Amino acid sequence: MTEDDKKALEGLFVNSQAFLPPRFFYNSLGGLLFEAITRLEEYTPTKDELSVFQSRIREIKKILPSDICLIDLGAGNCSKAEKILPEVCPEAFLAVDLPSKFFRNSVTRLKNSLRNQKIYALEKDFTSGLFLSEIAQIVGDAIYNLDKVLFFPGSTIGNYSPADAKNFLMSIDHDSIIIGVDLIKPEREMIRAYDDSLGVTAAFNKNALLHANALLDTDFEVGNWSHKAIYNSSESRIEMHLVAKSTHFVNSPFGKRVFSKGESIHTENSHKYSPESFKNLLLGSGYVDIYDFLHPSNRYGVFVAKRNKQS
């Protein structure tokens, strides 16, 4: 069991407010469920982001250096990269994501689709940082002569608190960034995106318990839990929880925990920003030359910025 797994157990069985890190969403089933979520009518960020890239990618390309290695953090099914790679034309493309058959199959499909593009894959939990030496092991020493451009779409940055987002961005070796951000919108619209009428997001949330059982040797029963999404206005974030339907206990290597009826496991935060607040976060994280490309509805934004190497 890894140190991260031990911390996850502590979060579930020691903390007064039980918490399970979002990485537990993403086993092979979780990857498929999230892909389904992105196709739902209620979930607009993926569609809005794609619209921005389709209409503005040539402008984005002009901002980027000429010789780059594009590094896709949380590449998943690689569909977003597949749509922009023919326009961006990087010297090398590195997909990074947690180890899974789903991810490996996605990279293979991408290589078959774009045979003239140099494509590499790194199976890693990038939330703990990503260093040039690790990238060089995969891509080769030629990486040292290329500008490293992070591609971080999907508003994954929203899973971090603003302070943690700053620390995360500063923990990765890179020169520039292309990052997608879900923006603040009416509360009802935001909640619907995380509590859809078909129950796909609920299944995605509950699947984290199955993944926890497999990795942490717990014995959660999915049927004992219901899905809940709320908007925490003071923190400007959507929260996802799993709520106990009845009082019951769960076993783990840390011992037994009794979950009372109505008690929750906090599984995800998704922070929302205004364009101005996200620019300020980038400035505070050591970026300069910040450009924003907003969806016409102002529901979503793609930001491009350079890293200030002197910061």
C-alpha atoms as a PDB file:
ATOM      1  CA  MET A   1       0.000   0.000   0.000  1.00  0.00           C
ATOM      2  CA  THR A   2       1.371   3.388  -1.007  1.00  0.00           C
ATOM      3  CA  GLU A   3       1.688   6.432   1.251  1.00  0.00           C
ATOM      4  CA  ASP A   4      -1.067   8.120  -0.758  1.00  0.00           C
ATOM      5  CA  ASP A   5      -3.318   5.108  -0.127  1.00  0.00           C
ATOM      6  CA  LYS A   6      -2.591   5.304   3.611  1.00  0.00           C
ATOM      7  CA  LYS A   7      -3.538   9.004   3.552  1.00  0.00           C
ATOM      8  CA  ALA A   8      -6.764   8.104   1.758  1.00  0.00           C
ATOM      9  CA  LEU A   9      -7.601   5.552   4.457  1.00  0.00           C
ATOM     10  CA  GLU A  10      -6.914   8.151   7.115  1.00  0.00           C
ATOM     11  CA  GLY A  11      -9.247  10.558   5.342  1.00  0.00           C
ATOM     12  CA  LEU A  12     -12.004   7.938   5.301  1.00  0.00           C
ATOM     13  CA  PHE A  13     -11.615   6.374   8.738  1.00  0.00           C
ATOM     14  CA  VAL A  14      -9.936   8.964  10.982  1.00  0.00           C
ATOM     15  CA  ASN A  15     -11.108  12.415   9.874  1.00  0.00           C
ATOM     16  CA  SER A  16     -14.352  13.623  11.429  1.00  0.00           C
ATOM     17  CA  GLN A  17     -15.524  14.638   7.932  1.00  0.00           C
ATOM     18  CA  ALA A  18     -14.716  11.609   5.819  1.00  0.00           C
ATOM     19  CA  PHE A  19     -12.986  12.469   2.547  1.00  0.00           C
ATOM     20  CA  LEU A  20     -11.981  10.374  -0.473  1.00  0.00           C
ATOM     21  CA  PRO A  21      -9.579  11.927  -3.035  1.00  0.00           C
ATOM     22  CA  PRO A  22     -10.958  12.396  -6.575  1.00  0.00           C
ATOM     23  CA  ARG A  23      -8.307  10.063  -8.020  1.00  0.00           C
ATOM     24  CA  PHE A  24     -10.527   7.189  -6.838  1.00  0.00           C
ATOM     25  CA  PHE A  25     -13.057   8.128  -9.536  1.00  0.00           C
ATOM     26  CA  TYR A  26     -10.686   6.993 -12.246  1.00  0.00           C
ATOM     27  CA  ASN A  27     -10.431   3.278 -12.736  1.00  0.00           C
ATOM     28  CA  SER A  28     -11.413   1.829 -16.120  1.00  0.00           C
ATOM     29  CA  LEU A  29     -15.137   2.023 -15.317  1.00  0.00           C
ATOM     30  CA  GLY A  30     -14.744   5.543 -13.961  1.00  0.00           C
ATOM     31  CA  GLY A  31     -13.058   6.662 -17.180  1.00  0.00           C
ATOM     32  CA  LEU A  32     -15.996   5.373 -19.213  1.00  0.00           C
ATOM     33  CA  LEU A  33     -18.530   6.967 -16.865  1.00  0.00           C
ATOM     34  CA  PHE A  34     -16.802  10.340 -17.038  1.00  0.00           C
ATOM     35  CA  GLU A  35     -16.745  10.123 -20.832  1.00  0.00           C
ATOM     36  CA  ALA A  36     -20.514   9.590 -20.653  1.00  0.00           C
ATOM     37  CA  ILE A  37     -20.890  12.592 -18.320  1.00  0.00           C
ATOM     38  CA  THR A  38     -19.241  14.861 -20.877  1.00  0.00           C
ATOM     39  CA  ARG A  39     -21.991  13.957 -23.366  1.00  0.00           C
ATOM     40  CA  LEU A  40     -24.860  14.836 -21.047  1.00  0.00           C
ATOM     41  CA  GLU A  41     -27.072  17.822 -21.823  1.00  0.00           C
ATOM     42  CA  GLU A  42     -26.626  19.164 -18.284  1.00  0.00           C
ATOM     43  CA  TYR A  43     -22.809  19.051 -18.365  1.00  0.00           C
ATOM     44  CA  THR A  44     -21.675  22.007 -20.474  1.00  0.00           C
ATOM     45  CA  PRO A  45     -17.932  22.490 -19.688  1.00  0.00           C
ATOM     46  CA  THR A  46     -16.686  19.896 -22.195  1.00  0.00           C
ATOM     47  CA  LYS A  47     -18.869  21.215 -25.004  1.00  0.00           C
ATOM     48  CA  ASP A  48     -18.024  24.839 -24.207  1.00  0.00           C
ATOM     49  CA  GLU A  49     -14.299  24.098 -24.079  1.00  0.00           C
ATOM     50  CA  LEU A  50     -14.420  22.268 -27.411  1.00  0.00           C
ATOM     51  CA  SER A  51     -16.225  25.236 -28.940  1.00  0.00           C
ATOM     52  CA  VAL A  52     -13.478  27.595 -27.737  1.00  0.00           C
ATOM     53  CA  PHE A  53     -10.739  25.378 -29.155  1.00  0.00           C
ATOM     54  CA  GLN A  54     -12.537  24.972 -32.469  1.00  0.00           C
ATOM     55  CA  SER A  55     -12.996  28.717 -32.930  1.00  0.00           C
ATOM     56  CA  ARG A  56      -9.789  30.067 -31.342  1.00  0.00           C
ATOM     57  CA  ILE A  57      -7.070  27.399 -31.707  1.00  0.00           C
ATOM     58  CA  ARG A  58      -5.231  29.292 -34.461  1.00  0.00           C
ATOM     59  CA  GLU A  59      -5.017  32.361 -32.223  1.00  0.00           C
ATOM     60  CA  ILE A  60      -3.749  30.150 -29.398  1.00  0.00           C
ATOM     61  CA  LYS A  61      -1.173  28.580 -31.703  1.00  0.00           C
ATOM     62  CA  LYS A  62       0.273  32.014 -32.538  1.00  0.00           C
ATOM     63  CA  ILE A  63       0.944  32.678 -28.859  1.00  0.00           C
ATOM     64  CA  LEU A  64       2.883  29.447 -28.341  1.00  0.00           C
ATOM     65  CA  PRO A  65       6.610  28.987 -29.063  1.00  0.00           C
ATOM     66  CA  SER A  66       7.433  27.270 -32.354  1.00  0.00           C
ATOM     67  CA  ASP A  67       9.151  24.109 -31.058  1.00  0.00           C
ATOM     68  CA  ILE A  68       7.217  22.581 -28.187  1.00  0.00           C
ATOM     69  CA  CYS A  69       6.505  19.408 -26.298  1.00  0.00           C
ATOM     70  CA  LEU A  70       2.795  19.433 -25.421  1.00  0.00           C
ATOM     71  CA  ILE A  71       2.173  17.683 -22.094  1.00  0.00           C
ATOM     72  CA  ASP A  72      -1.430  16.619 -21.498  1.00  0.00           C
ATOM     73  CA  LEU A  73      -2.168  16.271 -17.780  1.00  0.00           C
ATOM     74  CA  GLY A  74      -5.022  13.861 -17.119  1.00  0.00           C
ATOM     75  CA  ALA A  75      -5.248  12.880 -20.775  1.00  0.00           C
ATOM     76  CA  GLY A  76      -8.016  10.320 -20.211  1.00  0.00           C
ATOM     77  CA  ASN A  77      -9.420   9.226 -23.559  1.00  0.00           C
ATOM     78  CA  CYS A  78      -7.092  11.672 -25.379  1.00  0.00           C
ATOM     79  CA  SER A  79     -10.023  13.076 -27.373  1.00  0.00           C
ATOM     80  CA  LYS A  80      -9.287  16.707 -26.519  1.00  0.00           C
ATOM     81  CA  ALA A  81      -5.661  16.406 -27.564  1.00  0.00           C
ATOM     82  CA  GLU A  82      -6.689  14.618 -30.740  1.00  0.00           C
ATOM     83  CA  LYS A  83      -8.730  17.632 -31.802  1.00  0.00           C
ATOM     84  CA  ILE A  84      -5.985  20.226 -31.284  1.00  0.00           C
ATOM     85  CA  LEU A  85      -2.809  18.322 -32.214  1.00  0.00           C
ATOM     86  CA  PRO A  86      -3.231  18.767 -35.993  1.00  0.00           C
ATOM     87  CA  GLU A  87      -3.415  22.549 -35.456  1.00  0.00           C
ATOM     88  CA  VAL A  88      -0.770  22.949 -32.748  1.00  0.00           C
ATOM     89  CA  CYS A  89       1.714  20.534 -34.412  1.00  0.00           C
ATOM     90  CA  PRO A  90       4.075  19.985 -31.452  1.00  0.00           C
ATOM     91  CA  GLU A  91       7.436  18.315 -31.909  1.00  0.00           C
ATOM     92  CA  ALA A  92       6.325  15.794 -29.289  1.00  0.00           C
ATOM     93  CA  PHE A  93       3.138  15.013 -27.385  1.00  0.00           C
ATOM     94  CA  LEU A  94       3.193  13.408 -23.921  1.00  0.00           C
ATOM     95  CA  ALA A  95      -0.045  12.060 -22.428  1.00  0.00           C
ATOM     96  CA  VAL A  96       0.005  11.720 -18.633  1.00  0.00           C
ATOM     97  CA  ASP A  97      -2.605   9.932 -16.547  1.00  0.00           C
ATOM     98  CA  LEU A  98      -3.133   7.352 -13.840  1.00  0.00           C
ATOM     99  CA  PRO A  99      -2.323   3.750 -14.813  1.00  0.00           C
ATOM    100  CA  SER A 100      -5.332   2.018 -16.371  1.00  0.00           C
ATOM    101  CA  LYS A 101      -6.220  -0.154 -19.338  1.00  0.00           C
ATOM    102  CA  PHE A 102      -8.594   2.613 -20.445  1.00  0.00           C
ATOM    103  CA  PHE A 103      -5.731   5.122 -20.662  1.00  0.00           C
ATOM    104  CA  ARG A 104      -3.375   2.706 -22.441  1.00  0.00           C
ATOM    105  CA  ASN A 105      -6.041   1.855 -25.000  1.00  0.00           C
ATOM    106  CA  SER A 106      -6.736   5.561 -25.551  1.00  0.00           C
ATOM    107  CA  VAL A 107      -3.060   6.305 -26.267  1.00  0.00           C
ATOM    108  CA  THR A 108      -2.880   3.373 -28.694  1.00  0.00           C
ATOM    109  CA  ARG A 109      -5.949   4.662 -30.508  1.00  0.00           C
ATOM    110  CA  LEU A 110      -4.433   8.160 -30.701  1.00  0.00           C
ATOM    111  CA  LYS A 111      -1.182   6.808 -32.161  1.00  0.00           C
ATOM    112  CA  ASN A 112      -3.162   4.943 -34.812  1.00  0.00           C
ATOM    113  CA  SER A 113      -5.164   8.076 -35.600  1.00  0.00           C
ATOM    114  CA  LEU A 114      -2.194  10.477 -35.834  1.00  0.00           C
ATOM    115  CA  ARG A 115       0.622   8.362 -37.264  1.00  0.00           C
ATOM    116  CA  ASN A 116       2.846  11.332 -38.141  1.00  0.00           C
ATOM    117  CA  GLN A 117       2.778  12.740 -34.603  1.00  0.00           C
ATOM    118  CA  LYS A 118       5.363  11.658 -32.025  1.00  0.00           C
ATOM    119  CA  ILE A 119       3.224  10.442 -29.146  1.00  0.00           C
ATOM    120  CA  TYR A 120       4.411   9.236 -25.747  1.00  0.00           C
ATOM    121  CA  ALA A 121       2.642   8.159 -22.572  1.00  0.00           C
ATOM    122  CA  LEU A 122       3.499   8.391 -18.888  1.00  0.00           C
ATOM    123  CA  GLU A 123       1.375   6.511 -16.336  1.00  0.00           C
ATOM    124  CA  LYS A 124       1.676   8.598 -13.203  1.00  0.00           C
ATOM    125  CA  ASP A 125      -0.310  10.410 -10.540  1.00  0.00           C
ATOM    126  CA  PHE A 126       0.792  13.868 -11.670  1.00  0.00           C
ATOM    127  CA  THR A 127      -0.845  15.540  -8.662  1.00  0.00           C
ATOM    128  CA  SER A 128       2.366  14.874  -6.740  1.00  0.00           C
ATOM    129  CA  GLY A 129       4.371  16.880  -9.296  1.00  0.00           C
ATOM    130  CA  LEU A 130       6.020  16.247 -12.638  1.00  0.00           C
ATOM    131  CA  PHE A 131       9.713  16.875 -13.257  1.00  0.00           C
ATOM    132  CA  LEU A 132      11.792  17.348 -16.361  1.00  0.00           C
ATOM    133  CA  SER A 133      13.901  14.284 -15.584  1.00  0.00           C
ATOM    134  CA  GLU A 134      10.745  12.114 -15.615  1.00  0.00           C
ATOM    135  CA  ILE A 135       9.625  13.614 -18.916  1.00  0.00           C
ATOM    136  CA  ALA A 136      13.074  13.103 -20.442  1.00  0.00           C
ATOM    137  CA  GLN A 137      12.984   9.397 -19.545  1.00  0.00           C
ATOM    138  CA  ILE A 138       9.926   9.010 -21.746  1.00  0.00           C
ATOM    139  CA  VAL A 139      10.446  11.549 -24.524  1.00  0.00           C
ATOM    140  CA  GLY A 140      14.261  11.527 -24.616  1.00  0.00           C
ATOM    141  CA  ASP A 141      16.939  14.149 -24.102  1.00  0.00           C
ATOM    142  CA  ALA A 142      15.651  16.195 -27.044  1.00  0.00           C
ATOM    143  CA  ILE A 143      13.021  17.473 -24.618  1.00  0.00           C
ATOM    144  CA  TYR A 144      15.633  19.795 -23.111  1.00  0.00           C
ATOM    145  CA  ASN A 145      15.669  21.815 -26.336  1.00  0.00           C
ATOM    146  CA  LEU A 146      11.904  22.157 -26.539  1.00  0.00           C
ATOM    147  CA  ASP A 147       9.536  24.494 -24.734  1.00  0.00           C
ATOM    148  CA  LYS A 148       7.363  22.452 -22.391  1.00  0.00           C
ATOM    149  CA  VAL A 149       3.710  23.490 -22.729  1.00  0.00           C
ATOM    150  CA  LEU A 150       1.220  22.059 -20.248  1.00  0.00           C
ATOM    151  CA  PHE A 151      -2.172  21.188 -21.683  1.00  0.00           C
ATOM    152  CA  PHE A 152      -4.574  21.073 -18.738  1.00  0.00           C
ATOM    153  CA  PRO A 153      -8.146  21.130 -20.080  1.00  0.00           C
ATOM    154  CA  GLY A 154     -11.424  20.087 -18.520  1.00  0.00           C
ATOM    155  CA  SER A 155     -11.283  22.507 -15.567  1.00  0.00           C
ATOM    156  CA  THR A 156      -9.405  19.854 -13.578  1.00  0.00           C
ATOM    157  CA  ILE A 157      -7.658  22.757 -11.839  1.00  0.00           C
ATOM    158  CA  GLY A 158     -11.009  23.376 -10.130  1.00  0.00           C
ATOM    159  CA  ASN A 159     -10.521  20.197  -8.080  1.00  0.00           C
ATOM    160  CA  TYR A 160      -7.856  22.083  -6.117  1.00  0.00           C
ATOM    161  CA  SER A 161      -8.403  24.880  -3.651  1.00  0.00           C
ATOM    162  CA  PRO A 162      -6.895  28.144  -4.961  1.00  0.00           C
ATOM    163  CA  ALA A 163      -3.905  27.729  -2.617  1.00  0.00           C
ATOM    164  CA  ASP A 164      -3.366  24.107  -3.650  1.00  0.00           C
ATOM    165  CA  ALA A 165      -3.810  25.026  -7.320  1.00  0.00           C
ATOM    166  CA  LYS A 166      -0.992  27.542  -6.993  1.00  0.00           C
ATOM    167  CA  ASN A 167       1.277  24.989  -5.315  1.00  0.00           C
ATOM    168  CA  PHE A 168       0.412  22.355  -7.920  1.00  0.00           C
ATOM    169  CA  LEU A 169       1.170  24.599 -10.888  1.00  0.00           C
ATOM    170  CA  MET A 170       4.484  25.572  -9.335  1.00  0.00           C
ATOM    171  CA  SER A 171       5.419  21.894  -8.777  1.00  0.00           C
ATOM    172  CA  ILE A 172       5.622  21.000 -12.473  1.00  0.00           C
ATOM    173  CA  ASP A 173       8.535  21.843 -14.776  1.00  0.00           C
ATOM    174  CA  HIS A 174       7.157  23.744 -17.780  1.00  0.00           C
ATOM    175  CA  ASP A 175       7.447  26.947 -19.812  1.00  0.00           C
ATOM    176  CA  SER A 176       3.838  27.754 -20.768  1.00  0.00           C
ATOM    177  CA  ILE A 177       0.333  26.515 -20.116  1.00  0.00           C
ATOM    178  CA  ILE A 178      -2.998  26.071 -21.903  1.00  0.00           C
ATOM    179  CA  ILE A 179      -5.624  25.596 -19.219  1.00  0.00           C
ATOM    180  CA  GLY A 180      -9.409  25.260 -19.248  1.00  0.00           C
ATOM    181  CA  VAL A 181     -11.528  26.738 -16.448  1.00  0.00           C
ATOM    182  CA  ASP A 182     -15.209  26.422 -15.672  1.00  0.00           C
ATOM    183  CA  LEU A 183     -16.562  29.857 -14.790  1.00  0.00           C
ATOM    184  CA  ILE A 184     -19.178  30.934 -12.259  1.00  0.00           C
ATOM    185  CA  LYS A 185     -22.737  30.695 -13.560  1.00  0.00           C
ATOM    186  CA  PRO A 186     -26.244  30.479 -12.018  1.00  0.00           C
ATOM    187  CA  GLU A 187     -26.284  28.069  -9.067  1.00  0.00           C
ATOM    188  CA  ARG A 188     -29.028  25.825 -10.455  1.00  0.00           C
ATOM    189  CA  GLU A 189     -27.121  25.382 -13.702  1.00  0.00           C
ATOM    190  CA  MET A 190     -23.935  24.430 -11.850  1.00  0.00           C
ATOM    191  CA  ILE A 191     -25.693  21.882  -9.621  1.00  0.00           C
ATOM    192  CA  ARG A 192     -27.473  20.234 -12.572  1.00  0.00           C
ATOM    193  CA  ALA A 193     -24.081  19.625 -14.183  1.00  0.00           C
ATOM    194  CA  TYR A 194     -23.108  17.476 -11.174  1.00  0.00           C
ATOM    195  CA  ASP A 195     -26.478  15.837 -10.516  1.00  0.00           C
ATOM    196  CA  ASP A 196     -27.867  14.869 -13.912  1.00  0.00           C
ATOM    197  CA  SER A 197     -31.317  13.418 -14.519  1.00  0.00           C
ATOM    198  CA  LEU A 198     -29.978  10.068 -15.816  1.00  0.00           C
ATOM    199  CA  GLY A 199     -27.899   9.438 -12.714  1.00  0.00           C
ATOM    200  CA  VAL A 200     -24.610   9.030 -14.574  1.00  0.00           C
ATOM    201  CA  THR A 201     -22.757  11.377 -12.212  1.00  0.00           C
ATOM    202  CA  ALA A 202     -24.231   9.485  -9.259  1.00  0.00           C
ATOM    203  CA  ALA A 203     -22.822   6.224 -10.664  1.00  0.00           C
ATOM    204  CA  PHE A 204     -19.464   7.940 -11.252  1.00  0.00           C
ATOM    205  CA  ASN A 205     -19.409   9.115  -7.640  1.00  0.00           C
ATOM    206  CA  LYS A 206     -20.404   5.731  -6.191  1.00  0.00           C
ATOM    207  CA  ASN A 207     -17.827   3.938  -8.343  1.00  0.00           C
ATOM    208  CA  ALA A 208     -15.152   5.663  -6.237  1.00  0.00           C
ATOM    209  CA  LEU A 209     -16.200   3.360  -3.393  1.00  0.00           C
ATOM    210  CA  LEU A 210     -15.669   0.280  -5.559  1.00  0.00           C
ATOM    211  CA  HIS A 211     -12.236   1.569  -6.509  1.00  0.00           C
ATOM    212  CA  ALA A 212     -11.481   2.207  -2.833  1.00  0.00           C
ATOM    213  CA  ASN A 213     -12.485  -1.368  -2.016  1.00  0.00           C
ATOM    214  CA  ALA A 214     -10.038  -2.663  -4.628  1.00  0.00           C
ATOM    215  CA  LEU A 215      -7.098  -0.471  -3.580  1.00  0.00           C
ATOM    216  CA  LEU A 216      -7.614   0.019   0.145  1.00  0.00           C
ATOM    217  CA  ASP A 217      -9.139  -3.314   1.229  1.00  0.00           C
ATOM    218  CA  THR A 218     -12.347  -1.687   2.460  1.00  0.00           C
ATOM    219  CA  ASP A 219     -15.817  -3.202   2.160  1.00  0.00           C
ATOM    220  CA  PHE A 220     -18.110  -0.344   1.179  1.00  0.00           C
ATOM    221  CA  GLU A 221     -21.544  -1.408  -0.074  1.00  0.00           C
ATOM    222  CA  VAL A 222     -22.519   0.983  -2.870  1.00  0.00           C
ATOM    223  CA  GLY A 223     -26.224   0.464  -2.182  1.00  0.00           C
ATOM    224  CA  ASN A 224     -25.823   2.041   1.265  1.00  0.00           C
ATOM    225  CA  TRP A 225     -24.970   5.443  -0.236  1.00  0.00           C
ATOM    226  CA  SER A 226     -26.731   8.170  -2.201  1.00  0.00           C
ATOM    227  CA  HIS A 227     -25.184  10.902  -4.346  1.00  0.00           C
ATOM    228  CA  LYS A 228     -25.466  14.591  -3.447  1.00  0.00           C
ATOM    229  CA  ALA A 229     -24.148  17.755  -5.123  1.00  0.00           C
ATOM    230  CA  ILE A 230     -24.271  21.192  -3.467  1.00  0.00           C
ATOM    231  CA  TYR A 231     -22.906  24.660  -4.210  1.00  0.00           C
ATOM    232  CA  ASN A 232     -20.788  26.140  -1.429  1.00  0.00           C
ATOM    233  CA  SER A 233     -21.090  29.843  -2.228  1.00  0.00           C
ATOM    234  CA  SER A 234     -18.587  30.969   0.422  1.00  0.00           C
ATOM    235  CA  GLU A 235     -15.864  28.849  -1.224  1.00  0.00           C
ATOM    236  CA  SER A 236     -17.186  29.306  -4.784  1.00  0.00           C
ATOM    237  CA  ARG A 237     -17.235  25.559  -5.411  1.00  0.00           C
ATOM    238  CA  ILE A 238     -19.466  22.622  -6.197  1.00  0.00           C
ATOM    239  CA  GLU A 239     -19.087  19.800  -3.677  1.00  0.00           C
ATOM    240  CA  MET A 240     -19.922  16.162  -4.314  1.00  0.00           C
ATOM    241  CA  HIS A 241     -20.757  13.906  -1.383  1.00  0.00           C
ATOM    242  CA  LEU A 242     -21.881  10.339  -0.782  1.00  0.00           C
ATOM    243  CA  VAL A 243     -24.502  10.273   1.960  1.00  0.00           C
ATOM    244  CA  ALA A 244     -25.190   7.222   4.145  1.00  0.00           C
ATOM    245  CA  LYS A 245     -28.779   6.022   3.695  1.00  0.00           C
ATOM    246  CA  SER A 246     -28.744   4.288   7.074  1.00  0.00           C
ATOM    247  CA  THR A 247     -26.387   3.757   9.994  1.00  0.00           C
ATOM    248  CA  HIS A 248     -23.877   1.004   9.178  1.00  0.00           C
ATOM    249  CA  PHE A 249     -20.209   0.143   9.620  1.00  0.00           C
ATOM    250  CA  VAL A 250     -17.387  -0.293   7.116  1.00  0.00           C
ATOM    251  CA  ASN A 251     -14.210  -2.308   7.672  1.00  0.00           C
ATOM    252  CA  SER A 252     -10.700  -1.297   6.661  1.00  0.00           C
ATOM    253  CA  PRO A 253      -7.051  -1.970   7.581  1.00  0.00           C
ATOM    254  CA  PHE A 254      -7.468   1.048   9.907  1.00  0.00           C
ATOM    255  CA  GLY A 255     -10.283  -0.732  11.701  1.00  0.00           C
ATOM    256  CA  LYS A 256     -14.046  -0.277  11.668  1.00  0.00           C
ATOM    257  CA  ARG A 257     -15.922   3.006  11.233  1.00  0.00           C
ATOM    258  CA  VAL A 258     -19.600   3.508  11.932  1.00  0.00           C
ATOM    259  CA  PHE A 259     -21.262   5.868   9.452  1.00  0.00           C
ATOM    260  CA  SER A 260     -24.472   7.342  10.852  1.00  0.00           C
ATOM    261  CA  LYS A 261     -27.530   7.923   8.679  1.00  0.00           C
ATOM    262  CA  GLY A 262     -27.048  11.234   6.857  1.00  0.00           C
ATOM    263  CA  GLU A 263     -23.274  11.306   7.404  1.00  0.00           C
ATOM    264  CA  SER A 264     -21.324  11.987   4.225  1.00  0.00           C
ATOM    265  CA  ILE A 265     -18.073  11.207   2.485  1.00  0.00           C
ATOM    266  CA  HIS A 266     -16.791  14.301   0.694  1.00  0.00           C
ATOM    267  CA  THR A 267     -15.493  13.104  -2.692  1.00  0.00           C
ATOM    268  CA  GLU A 268     -14.886  16.177  -4.829  1.00  0.00           C
ATOM    269  CA  ASN A 269     -14.597  19.939  -4.949  1.00  0.00           C
ATOM    270  CA  SER A 270     -14.934  21.808  -8.216  1.00  0.00           C
ATOM    271  CA  HIS A 271     -13.980  25.445  -7.715  1.00  0.00           C
ATOM    272  CA  LYS A 272     -15.479  28.006 -10.080  1.00  0.00           C
ATOM    273  CA  TYR A 273     -13.817  31.270 -11.069  1.00  0.00           C
ATOM    274  CA  SER A 274     -14.511  34.567 -12.740  1.00  0.00           C
ATOM    275  CA  PRO A 275     -12.079  35.464 -15.543  1.00  0.00           C
ATOM    276  CA  GLU A 276     -10.500  38.084 -13.280  1.00  0.00           C
ATOM    277  CA  SER A 277     -10.070  35.780 -10.277  1.00  0.00           C
ATOM    278  CA  PHE A 278      -8.444  33.084 -12.391  1.00  0.00           C
ATOM    279  CA  LYS A 279      -6.049  35.557 -13.989  1.00  0.00           C
ATOM    280  CA  ASN A 280      -5.084  36.633 -10.481  1.00  0.00           C
ATOM    281  CA  LEU A 281      -4.441  33.006  -9.544  1.00  0.00           C
ATOM    282  CA  LEU A 282      -2.144  32.627 -12.561  1.00  0.00           C
ATOM    283  CA  LEU A 283      -0.308  35.834 -11.700  1.00  0.00           C
ATOM    284  CA  GLY A 284       0.174  34.600  -8.143  1.00  0.00           C
ATOM    285  CA  SER A 285       1.491  31.286  -9.485  1.00  0.00           C
ATOM    286  CA  GLY A 286       4.303  32.957 -11.416  1.00  0.00           C
ATOM    287  CA  TYR A 287       2.784  33.413 -14.880  1.00  0.00           C
ATOM    288  CA  VAL A 288       3.058  36.385 -17.217  1.00  0.00           C
ATOM    289  CA  ASP A 289       1.612  37.287 -20.640  1.00  0.00           C
ATOM    290  CA  ILE A 290      -1.820  35.887 -19.764  1.00  0.00           C
ATOM    291  CA  TYR A 291      -4.426  35.602 -22.530  1.00  0.00           C
ATOM    292  CA  ASP A 292      -8.040  34.530 -22.097  1.00  0.00           C
ATOM    293  CA  PHE A 293     -10.325  32.955 -24.698  1.00  0.00           C
ATOM    294  CA  LEU A 294     -13.880  32.924 -23.383  1.00  0.00           C
ATOM    295  CA  HIS A 295     -16.927  31.030 -24.607  1.00  0.00           C
ATOM    296  CA  PRO A 296     -19.562  33.482 -25.942  1.00  0.00           C
ATOM    297  CA  SER A 297     -21.825  32.544 -23.029  1.00  0.00           C
ATOM    298  CA  ASN A 298     -19.047  33.432 -20.529  1.00  0.00           C
ATOM    299  CA  ARG A 299     -19.611  29.998 -18.971  1.00  0.00           C
ATOM    300  CA  TYR A 300     -16.107  28.744 -19.726  1.00  0.00           C
ATOM    301  CA  GLY A 301     -12.641  30.061 -20.433  1.00  0.00           C
ATOM    302  CA  VAL A 302      -9.350  28.824 -21.892  1.00  0.00           C
ATOM    303  CA  PHE A 303      -6.291  30.672 -20.610  1.00  0.00           C
ATOM    304  CA  VAL A 304      -2.794  30.695 -22.130  1.00  0.00           C
ATOM    305  CA  ALA A 305       0.182  32.004 -20.182  1.00  0.00           C
ATOM    306  CA  LYS A 306       3.962  31.898 -19.962  1.00  0.00           C
ATOM    307  CA  ARG A 307       5.861  30.874 -16.870  1.00  0.00           C
ATOM    308  CA  ASN A 308       8.024  33.630 -15.420  1.00  0.00           C
ATOM    309  CA  LYS A 309      11.315  31.781 -14.990  1.00  0.00           C
ATOM    310  CA  GLN A 310      12.516  34.434 -12.568  1.00  0.00           C
ATOM    311  CA  SER A 311       9.633  33.886 -10.155  1.00  0.00           C
END
